């Protein structure tokens, strides 16, 4: 029972990374956004060079502070999922999302636990996952698991540190930053996305090099992270984004080859400026990921918890 629980926790962390990818494929400072008032001044950006247009999109999207998110994500044979909710990034990363597992071994595991969906809450210091009644009965009656970002960094090695960095420095404009950092961006053309006229840009990035340039990680953390990317078979990522006439990100698609299959994510952004009020669940109904792993005798940076990076399937 205990080993099964640890595997389930590891899978849940893999989901955390996947969902982090919805909002930010890489973490970085926003680079001088000046707020919502900038949006109107960039309506002609789609008619200039791709780099200049992306810089305007980065600034405008960052200044919007919040948005409604709708996404689908696949991680090889491990899982496929869809998620929806709201996220804010104006003063740290917060949000409320509902995740539904649609395929892969993750969906099978969740069905065995009595549910194929969960609620996720993001606060400045931690991520919370509500695992459902069946899971709660197996772990003492508590429904929520708390994943402190400091603990994820400690137990997950370099990839855990990257996840912490992502979750505390995230916004949708990171997809734009991916293309700016790639050195390989091109304008594909004008396209309609859900009834809105947009400009489509695309490029290919080196995953390891991008994280090194854009993250706040130490040299040793980056080295550890790159080893885990190598183990997962990830080397490059293709990124496509669609930007509207107000220089706001409307859609983002990313794809990468993994040793266990293809990793892909498609995300739509709407309702910029929506109110977000995520709060921590009741303490009496919450268990801590750190305490669960400690009870199992797992140590920081061990291989058992490194699977939480999303770069390896849980056993």
Protein backbone atom coordinates (compact mmCIF):
# COMPACT_ATOMS: atom_id res chain seq x y z
CA UNK A 1 0.00 0.00 0.00
CA UNK A 2 2.72 2.45 0.94
CA UNK A 3 4.78 1.91 -2.22
CA UNK A 4 1.63 2.28 -4.30
CA UNK A 5 0.88 5.57 -2.60
CA UNK A 6 4.35 6.89 -3.34
CA UNK A 7 3.99 5.97 -7.01
CA UNK A 8 0.70 7.81 -7.12
CA UNK A 9 2.28 10.85 -5.55
CA UNK A 10 5.07 10.73 -8.14
CA UNK A 11 2.50 10.65 -10.92
CA UNK A 12 0.79 13.64 -9.37
CA UNK A 13 4.02 15.60 -9.48
CA UNK A 14 4.39 14.69 -13.15
CA UNK A 15 0.99 16.29 -13.64
CA UNK A 16 2.22 19.38 -11.86
CA UNK A 17 5.01 19.73 -14.37
CA UNK A 18 2.66 19.17 -17.27
CA UNK A 19 0.31 21.83 -16.00
CA UNK A 20 3.20 24.17 -15.38
CA UNK A 21 3.99 23.75 -19.05
CA UNK A 22 0.52 25.06 -19.88
CA UNK A 23 1.42 28.44 -18.46
CA UNK A 24 5.19 28.47 -18.89
CA UNK A 25 7.51 26.17 -20.78
CA UNK A 26 10.35 28.08 -19.14
CA UNK A 27 10.71 30.49 -16.25
CA UNK A 28 12.15 33.98 -16.62
CA UNK A 29 11.68 37.52 -15.40
CA UNK A 30 9.04 39.42 -17.33
CA UNK A 31 11.51 41.97 -18.62
CA UNK A 32 9.98 45.33 -17.91
CA UNK A 33 6.26 45.11 -18.56
CA UNK A 34 4.44 48.34 -17.83
CA UNK A 35 0.90 47.00 -17.47
CA UNK A 36 -2.41 46.85 -19.29
CA UNK A 37 -2.10 50.34 -20.68
CA UNK A 38 0.58 49.13 -23.12
CA UNK A 39 -1.79 46.97 -25.16
CA UNK A 40 -3.36 49.68 -27.30
CA UNK A 41 0.02 51.00 -28.41
CA UNK A 42 1.09 47.79 -30.14
CA UNK A 43 -1.72 47.09 -32.60
CA UNK A 44 0.64 47.46 -35.57
CA UNK A 45 3.19 44.98 -34.20
CA UNK A 46 2.02 42.13 -36.45
CA UNK A 47 3.12 44.19 -39.47
CA UNK A 48 6.74 44.57 -38.37
CA UNK A 49 9.55 42.03 -37.98
CA UNK A 50 8.79 38.79 -36.08
CA UNK A 51 11.25 39.68 -33.30
CA UNK A 52 9.75 43.15 -32.77
CA UNK A 53 6.23 41.73 -32.88
CA UNK A 54 7.07 39.07 -30.29
CA UNK A 55 8.64 41.61 -27.97
CA UNK A 56 5.42 43.63 -28.10
CA UNK A 57 3.37 40.48 -27.48
CA UNK A 58 5.57 39.54 -24.53
CA UNK A 59 5.08 42.95 -22.94
CA UNK A 60 1.33 43.14 -23.52
CA UNK A 61 0.58 39.59 -22.37
CA UNK A 62 2.66 40.01 -19.24
CA UNK A 63 0.87 43.25 -18.41
CA UNK A 64 -2.57 41.66 -18.67
CA UNK A 65 -2.01 40.01 -15.23
CA UNK A 66 -4.50 37.12 -15.59
CA UNK A 67 -6.43 34.99 -18.08
CA UNK A 68 -8.76 32.07 -18.53
CA UNK A 69 -6.88 28.95 -19.65
CA UNK A 70 -8.06 25.94 -21.66
CA UNK A 71 -5.55 23.27 -22.63
CA UNK A 72 -4.89 19.71 -23.72
CA UNK A 73 -1.60 17.97 -22.87
CA UNK A 74 -0.03 14.62 -23.75
CA UNK A 75 3.08 13.07 -22.20
CA UNK A 76 3.81 10.02 -24.33
CA UNK A 77 2.13 6.88 -23.00
CA UNK A 78 2.10 8.28 -19.45
CA UNK A 79 -0.96 10.44 -19.83
CA UNK A 80 -3.18 12.72 -21.81
CA UNK A 81 -5.29 15.33 -20.08
CA UNK A 82 -7.40 18.41 -20.53
CA UNK A 83 -7.52 21.30 -18.09
CA UNK A 84 -9.37 24.54 -17.64
CA UNK A 85 -9.56 27.41 -15.19
CA UNK A 86 -8.01 30.77 -14.38
CA UNK A 87 -4.44 31.85 -13.70
CA UNK A 88 -2.90 35.12 -12.51
CA UNK A 89 0.74 36.25 -12.70
CA UNK A 90 0.69 39.95 -11.82
CA UNK A 91 1.92 39.37 -8.24
CA UNK A 92 3.31 35.85 -8.24
CA UNK A 93 1.70 32.83 -9.87
CA UNK A 94 -1.75 31.80 -8.56
CA UNK A 95 -4.63 29.90 -10.05
CA UNK A 96 -7.53 27.47 -9.92
CA UNK A 97 -7.70 24.64 -12.47
CA UNK A 98 -9.69 21.46 -13.05
CA UNK A 99 -7.73 18.61 -14.65
CA UNK A 100 -9.39 15.66 -16.39
CA UNK A 101 -7.32 12.62 -17.41
CA UNK A 102 -8.33 11.33 -20.81
CA UNK A 103 -5.84 8.55 -21.54
CA UNK A 104 -2.57 6.79 -20.78
CA UNK A 105 -1.41 4.99 -17.66
CA UNK A 106 -2.19 8.07 -15.57
CA UNK A 107 -5.88 7.88 -16.46
CA UNK A 108 -5.92 4.17 -15.58
CA UNK A 109 -4.32 4.89 -12.21
CA UNK A 110 -6.77 7.67 -11.42
CA UNK A 111 -9.76 5.49 -12.32
CA UNK A 112 -8.48 2.85 -9.92
CA UNK A 113 -8.47 5.59 -7.29
CA UNK A 114 -12.11 6.34 -8.02
CA UNK A 115 -11.78 9.50 -10.10
CA UNK A 116 -10.62 10.70 -13.50
CA UNK A 117 -10.31 14.37 -12.55
CA UNK A 118 -8.94 16.58 -9.81
CA UNK A 119 -8.93 20.19 -8.69
CA UNK A 120 -5.61 22.04 -8.64
CA UNK A 121 -4.81 25.24 -6.78
CA UNK A 122 -1.66 27.31 -7.16
CA UNK A 123 -0.41 29.72 -4.51
CA UNK A 124 2.84 31.63 -4.19
CA UNK A 125 4.60 28.92 -2.17
CA UNK A 126 2.83 25.67 -3.04
CA UNK A 127 0.59 23.69 -5.36
CA UNK A 128 -2.42 21.77 -3.98
CA UNK A 129 -4.05 18.72 -5.58
CA UNK A 130 -7.45 17.34 -4.55
CA UNK A 131 -7.32 13.61 -5.17
CA UNK A 132 -10.91 12.53 -4.45
CA UNK A 133 -12.81 10.46 -1.86
CA UNK A 134 -11.38 7.04 -2.79
CA UNK A 135 -7.82 8.30 -2.47
CA UNK A 136 -8.63 10.06 0.80
CA UNK A 137 -9.90 6.82 2.34
CA UNK A 138 -6.54 5.19 1.59
CA UNK A 139 -4.45 7.93 3.19
CA UNK A 140 -6.26 8.72 6.42
CA UNK A 141 -9.27 10.66 5.14
CA UNK A 142 -7.51 13.76 3.78
CA UNK A 143 -8.38 14.87 0.25
CA UNK A 144 -5.68 17.44 -0.55
CA UNK A 145 -1.92 17.02 -1.07
CA UNK A 146 0.30 20.06 -0.64
CA UNK A 147 3.44 20.30 -2.79
CA UNK A 148 5.66 23.04 -1.40
CA UNK A 149 7.89 24.40 -4.17
CA UNK A 150 10.92 24.35 -1.89
CA UNK A 151 10.23 20.67 -1.17
CA UNK A 152 9.84 19.85 -4.86
CA UNK A 153 13.20 21.48 -5.52
CA UNK A 154 14.77 19.46 -2.71
CA UNK A 155 13.28 16.06 -3.56
CA UNK A 156 13.15 16.39 -7.34
CA UNK A 157 16.78 17.31 -8.02
CA UNK A 158 17.46 19.65 -10.94
CA UNK A 159 14.04 19.12 -12.49
CA UNK A 160 12.40 19.82 -9.16
CA UNK A 161 14.33 23.07 -8.94
CA UNK A 162 13.23 23.95 -12.46
CA UNK A 163 9.62 23.23 -11.51
CA UNK A 164 9.88 25.51 -8.50
CA UNK A 165 11.35 28.22 -10.71
CA UNK A 166 8.56 27.77 -13.26
CA UNK A 167 5.76 27.90 -10.73
CA UNK A 168 7.02 31.03 -8.99
CA UNK A 169 7.95 33.00 -12.13
CA UNK A 170 5.32 31.98 -14.65
CA UNK A 171 3.04 33.75 -17.11
CA UNK A 172 1.68 32.90 -20.57
CA UNK A 173 4.29 35.16 -22.18
CA UNK A 174 6.88 32.46 -21.53
CA UNK A 175 5.72 30.82 -24.76
CA UNK A 176 6.65 34.08 -26.46
CA UNK A 177 10.00 34.08 -24.65
CA UNK A 178 10.63 30.57 -25.97
CA UNK A 179 10.59 31.89 -29.50
CA UNK A 180 12.60 35.00 -28.68
CA UNK A 181 15.28 32.85 -27.04
CA UNK A 182 15.34 30.26 -29.83
CA UNK A 183 17.02 32.42 -32.47
CA UNK A 184 14.85 30.54 -34.95
CA UNK A 185 11.54 32.40 -35.21
CA UNK A 186 9.50 33.03 -38.33
CA UNK A 187 6.13 34.54 -39.18
CA UNK A 188 3.89 31.82 -40.61
CA UNK A 189 0.99 34.07 -41.60
CA UNK A 190 -2.39 35.50 -40.69
CA UNK A 191 -4.91 32.96 -39.35
CA UNK A 192 -8.30 32.83 -37.63
CA UNK A 193 -8.37 31.26 -34.16
CA UNK A 194 -11.83 30.70 -32.71
CA UNK A 195 -13.22 33.59 -34.69
CA UNK A 196 -10.37 35.99 -33.88
CA UNK A 197 -7.85 37.24 -36.44
CA UNK A 198 -4.30 36.41 -35.33
CA UNK A 199 -0.71 36.25 -36.54
CA UNK A 200 1.00 32.86 -36.34
CA UNK A 201 4.72 32.59 -35.37
CA UNK A 202 6.82 29.42 -35.06
CA UNK A 203 10.29 28.25 -34.10
CA UNK A 204 12.38 25.43 -32.64
CA UNK A 205 14.27 25.68 -29.34
CA UNK A 206 16.99 23.69 -27.61
CA UNK A 207 15.36 22.64 -24.32
CA UNK A 208 18.52 22.43 -22.21
CA UNK A 209 20.02 25.64 -23.56
CA UNK A 210 16.76 27.52 -23.11
CA UNK A 211 16.45 26.56 -19.46
CA UNK A 212 20.04 27.64 -18.87
CA UNK A 213 19.41 31.07 -20.38
CA UNK A 214 16.03 31.80 -18.87
CA UNK A 215 15.92 30.17 -15.43
CA UNK A 216 17.18 31.16 -12.00
CA UNK A 217 18.92 27.81 -11.39
CA UNK A 218 22.44 27.15 -10.15
CA UNK A 219 25.04 25.39 -12.29
CA UNK A 220 24.60 22.10 -10.40
CA UNK A 221 20.80 22.29 -10.66
CA UNK A 222 21.01 22.90 -14.39
CA UNK A 223 23.40 19.95 -14.80
CA UNK A 224 21.03 17.67 -12.88
CA UNK A 225 18.06 18.89 -14.91
CA UNK A 226 19.82 18.33 -18.24
CA UNK A 227 20.65 14.75 -17.23
CA UNK A 228 16.97 14.11 -16.58
CA UNK A 229 16.00 15.68 -19.90
CA UNK A 230 18.56 13.40 -21.57
CA UNK A 231 17.10 10.36 -19.80
CA UNK A 232 13.66 11.32 -21.08
CA UNK A 233 15.06 11.70 -24.60
CA UNK A 234 14.09 15.38 -24.92
CA UNK A 235 16.45 17.59 -26.91
CA UNK A 236 14.40 20.15 -28.86
CA UNK A 237 10.91 21.61 -28.72
CA UNK A 238 8.80 23.05 -31.53
CA UNK A 239 6.76 26.09 -30.48
CA UNK A 240 3.92 27.84 -32.31
CA UNK A 241 2.02 30.86 -31.01
CA UNK A 242 -0.88 32.97 -32.28
CA UNK A 243 -1.09 36.66 -31.31
CA UNK A 244 -4.12 38.94 -31.77
CA UNK A 245 -4.32 42.61 -32.85
CA UNK A 246 -3.79 43.76 -29.24
CA UNK A 247 -0.56 41.77 -29.03
CA UNK A 248 -2.11 39.28 -26.63
CA UNK A 249 -1.34 35.58 -26.81
CA UNK A 250 -4.42 33.68 -28.02
CA UNK A 251 -3.04 30.19 -28.60
CA UNK A 252 0.20 28.31 -27.94
CA UNK A 253 1.29 24.86 -29.15
CA UNK A 254 4.46 23.03 -28.12
CA UNK A 255 5.73 19.60 -29.19
CA UNK A 256 8.80 17.55 -28.30
CA UNK A 257 9.94 13.98 -28.82
CA UNK A 258 10.48 11.88 -25.68
CA UNK A 259 11.91 8.41 -25.24
CA UNK A 260 8.42 7.25 -24.21
CA UNK A 261 6.54 9.05 -26.97
CA UNK A 262 5.54 12.57 -27.95
CA UNK A 263 5.03 15.41 -25.50
CA UNK A 264 2.56 18.00 -26.77
CA UNK A 265 0.47 20.83 -25.38
CA UNK A 266 -2.15 23.11 -26.92
CA UNK A 267 -3.40 26.06 -24.87
CA UNK A 268 -5.98 28.79 -25.50
CA UNK A 269 -6.00 32.08 -23.57
CA UNK A 270 -9.13 34.23 -23.20
CA UNK A 271 -10.74 36.74 -20.84
CA UNK A 272 -7.52 38.57 -19.98
CA UNK A 273 -7.84 40.46 -16.68
CA UNK A 274 -10.28 37.96 -15.15
CA UNK A 275 -10.44 37.92 -11.35
CA UNK A 276 -8.46 35.09 -9.70
CA UNK A 277 -8.83 34.31 -5.99
CA UNK A 278 -7.15 30.97 -5.25
CA UNK A 279 -6.93 30.03 -1.55
CA UNK A 280 -5.32 27.17 0.34
CA UNK A 281 -7.67 24.29 1.21
CA UNK A 282 -8.50 23.56 4.89
CA UNK A 283 -5.40 22.48 6.81
CA UNK A 284 -7.34 19.66 8.45
CA UNK A 285 -8.09 18.15 5.04
CA UNK A 286 -4.53 18.50 3.70
CA UNK A 287 -1.50 16.19 3.84
CA UNK A 288 2.01 17.28 2.86
CA UNK A 289 3.90 15.63 0.03
CA UNK A 290 7.16 16.07 1.95
CA UNK A 291 5.84 14.16 4.96
CA UNK A 292 4.48 11.34 2.80
CA UNK A 293 7.84 10.79 1.12
CA UNK A 294 9.79 11.11 4.36
CA UNK A 295 7.65 8.39 5.94
CA UNK A 296 8.53 6.13 3.02
CA UNK A 297 12.25 6.67 3.62
CA UNK A 298 12.79 8.56 0.37
CA UNK A 299 15.58 11.10 0.36
CA UNK A 300 15.93 14.49 -1.39
CA UNK A 301 17.02 14.15 -5.01
CA UNK A 302 16.50 10.38 -5.07
CA UNK A 303 15.57 8.59 -8.26
CA UNK A 304 12.18 7.67 -6.82
CA UNK A 305 11.09 11.27 -6.54
CA UNK A 306 12.91 12.53 -9.61
CA UNK A 307 10.13 11.00 -11.68
CA UNK A 308 8.11 13.94 -10.48
CA UNK A 309 9.90 16.06 -13.01
CA UNK A 310 7.67 14.64 -15.68
CA UNK A 311 10.73 13.36 -17.52
CA UNK A 312 10.25 9.74 -16.47
CA UNK A 313 7.27 7.46 -15.99
CA UNK A 314 6.59 6.25 -12.46
CA UNK A 315 7.15 2.55 -11.94
